[in-house]
Amino acid sequence: MGIRKLKNDIGKKVKALRREKGLSQEKLAEYVNMSREHISCIERGKNLPTVETLYCLANFFKIDIKHFF
């Protein structure tokens, strides 16, 4: 799996989870203490989130971090 595909796959999963909860990027960012811009870049596959960021998102969504991979 290439890094570009990994970034895109994680971004799609974050976006889908956020939408399932009916949250805006702004609200999700507020809940996980990140900027809206950072959430946007993750969702668009521009940034590869750190393990710490994935852990925060997984905790918020109440899923196992493995869900992102």
C-alpha atoms as a PDB file:
ATOM      1  CA  MET A   1       0.000   0.000   0.000  1.00  0.00           C
ATOM      2  CA  GLY A   2       1.447   3.328  -1.015  1.00  0.00           C
ATOM      3  CA  ILE A   3       1.509   6.339   1.250  1.00  0.00           C
ATOM      4  CA  ARG A   4      -0.869   8.260  -1.027  1.00  0.00           C
ATOM      5  CA  LYS A   5      -3.440   5.468  -0.885  1.00  0.00           C
ATOM      6  CA  LEU A   6      -3.048   5.217   2.890  1.00  0.00           C
ATOM      7  CA  LYS A   7      -3.659   8.961   3.305  1.00  0.00           C
ATOM      8  CA  ASN A   8      -6.721   8.812   1.050  1.00  0.00           C
ATOM      9  CA  ASP A   9      -8.153   5.727   2.755  1.00  0.00           C
ATOM     10  CA  ILE A  10      -7.750   7.190   6.245  1.00  0.00           C
ATOM     11  CA  GLY A  11      -9.222  10.486   5.090  1.00  0.00           C
ATOM     12  CA  LYS A  12     -12.291   8.792   3.643  1.00  0.00           C
ATOM     13  CA  LYS A  13     -12.834   6.853   6.852  1.00  0.00           C
ATOM     14  CA  VAL A  14     -12.541   9.961   9.030  1.00  0.00           C
ATOM     15  CA  LYS A  15     -14.970  11.831   6.795  1.00  0.00           C
ATOM     16  CA  ALA A  16     -17.474   8.950   6.815  1.00  0.00           C
ATOM     17  CA  LEU A  17     -17.308   8.647  10.608  1.00  0.00           C
ATOM     18  CA  ARG A  18     -17.741  12.392  11.030  1.00  0.00           C
ATOM     19  CA  ARG A  19     -20.752  12.448   8.719  1.00  0.00           C
ATOM     20  CA  GLU A  20     -22.318   9.433  10.478  1.00  0.00           C
ATOM     21  CA  LYS A  21     -22.267  11.509  13.669  1.00  0.00           C
ATOM     22  CA  GLY A  22     -23.724  14.502  11.826  1.00  0.00           C
ATOM     23  CA  LEU A  23     -20.760  16.707  12.694  1.00  0.00           C
ATOM     24  CA  SER A  24     -19.170  19.555  10.807  1.00  0.00           C
ATOM     25  CA  GLN A  25     -15.405  19.662  10.475  1.00  0.00           C
ATOM     26  CA  GLU A  26     -15.464  22.568  12.921  1.00  0.00           C
ATOM     27  CA  LYS A  27     -17.316  20.579  15.595  1.00  0.00           C
ATOM     28  CA  LEU A  28     -15.115  17.512  15.189  1.00  0.00           C
ATOM     29  CA  ALA A  29     -12.017  19.691  15.411  1.00  0.00           C
ATOM     30  CA  GLU A  30     -13.344  21.290  18.583  1.00  0.00           C
ATOM     31  CA  TYR A  31     -14.107  17.913  20.191  1.00  0.00           C
ATOM     32  CA  VAL A  32     -10.650  16.471  19.442  1.00  0.00           C
ATOM     33  CA  ASN A  33      -8.739  19.719  20.066  1.00  0.00           C
ATOM     34  CA  MET A  34      -7.451  20.209  16.517  1.00  0.00           C
ATOM     35  CA  SER A  35      -7.921  22.890  13.910  1.00  0.00           C
ATOM     36  CA  ARG A  36     -10.626  22.600  11.270  1.00  0.00           C
ATOM     37  CA  GLU A  37      -7.900  22.974   8.667  1.00  0.00           C
ATOM     38  CA  HIS A  38      -6.094  19.929  10.032  1.00  0.00           C
ATOM     39  CA  ILE A  39      -9.271  17.833   9.912  1.00  0.00           C
ATOM     40  CA  SER A  40      -9.905  19.057   6.360  1.00  0.00           C
ATOM     41  CA  CYS A  41      -6.394  18.107   5.229  1.00  0.00           C
ATOM     42  CA  ILE A  42      -6.762  14.637   6.758  1.00  0.00           C
ATOM     43  CA  GLU A  43     -10.132  14.091   5.091  1.00  0.00           C
ATOM     44  CA  ARG A  44      -8.803  15.206   1.701  1.00  0.00           C
ATOM     45  CA  GLY A  45      -5.790  12.901   1.996  1.00  0.00           C
ATOM     46  CA  LYS A  46      -3.338  15.806   2.113  1.00  0.00           C
ATOM     47  CA  ASN A  47      -1.957  14.986   5.576  1.00  0.00           C
ATOM     48  CA  LEU A  48      -1.135  11.622   7.076  1.00  0.00           C
ATOM     49  CA  PRO A  49      -2.318  11.827  10.682  1.00  0.00           C
ATOM     50  CA  THR A  50       0.083  10.885  13.434  1.00  0.00           C
ATOM     51  CA  VAL A  51      -0.593   7.872  15.632  1.00  0.00           C
ATOM     52  CA  GLU A  52      -1.529  10.321  18.388  1.00  0.00           C
ATOM     53  CA  THR A  53      -4.095  12.001  16.128  1.00  0.00           C
ATOM     54  CA  LEU A  54      -5.528   8.646  15.063  1.00  0.00           C
ATOM     55  CA  TYR A  55      -5.739   7.607  18.712  1.00  0.00           C
ATOM     56  CA  CYS A  56      -7.672  10.792  19.581  1.00  0.00           C
ATOM     57  CA  LEU A  57     -10.050  10.272  16.665  1.00  0.00           C
ATOM     58  CA  ALA A  58     -10.533   6.586  17.498  1.00  0.00           C
ATOM     59  CA  ASN A  59     -11.318   7.464  21.120  1.00  0.00           C
ATOM     60  CA  PHE A  60     -13.800  10.110  20.052  1.00  0.00           C
ATOM     61  CA  PHE A  61     -15.563   7.781  17.614  1.00  0.00           C
ATOM     62  CA  LYS A  62     -15.332   4.863  20.094  1.00  0.00           C
ATOM     63  CA  ILE A  63     -13.633   2.581  17.598  1.00  0.00           C
ATOM     64  CA  ASP A  64     -10.407   0.609  17.573  1.00  0.00           C
ATOM     65  CA  ILE A  65      -7.508   2.469  15.943  1.00  0.00           C
ATOM     66  CA  LYS A  66      -7.160  -0.529  13.576  1.00  0.00           C
ATOM     67  CA  HIS A  67     -10.367   0.635  11.860  1.00  0.00           C
ATOM     68  CA  PHE A  68      -8.320   3.283  10.042  1.00  0.00           C
ATOM     69  CA  PHE A  69      -6.063   0.690   8.382  1.00  0.00           C
END
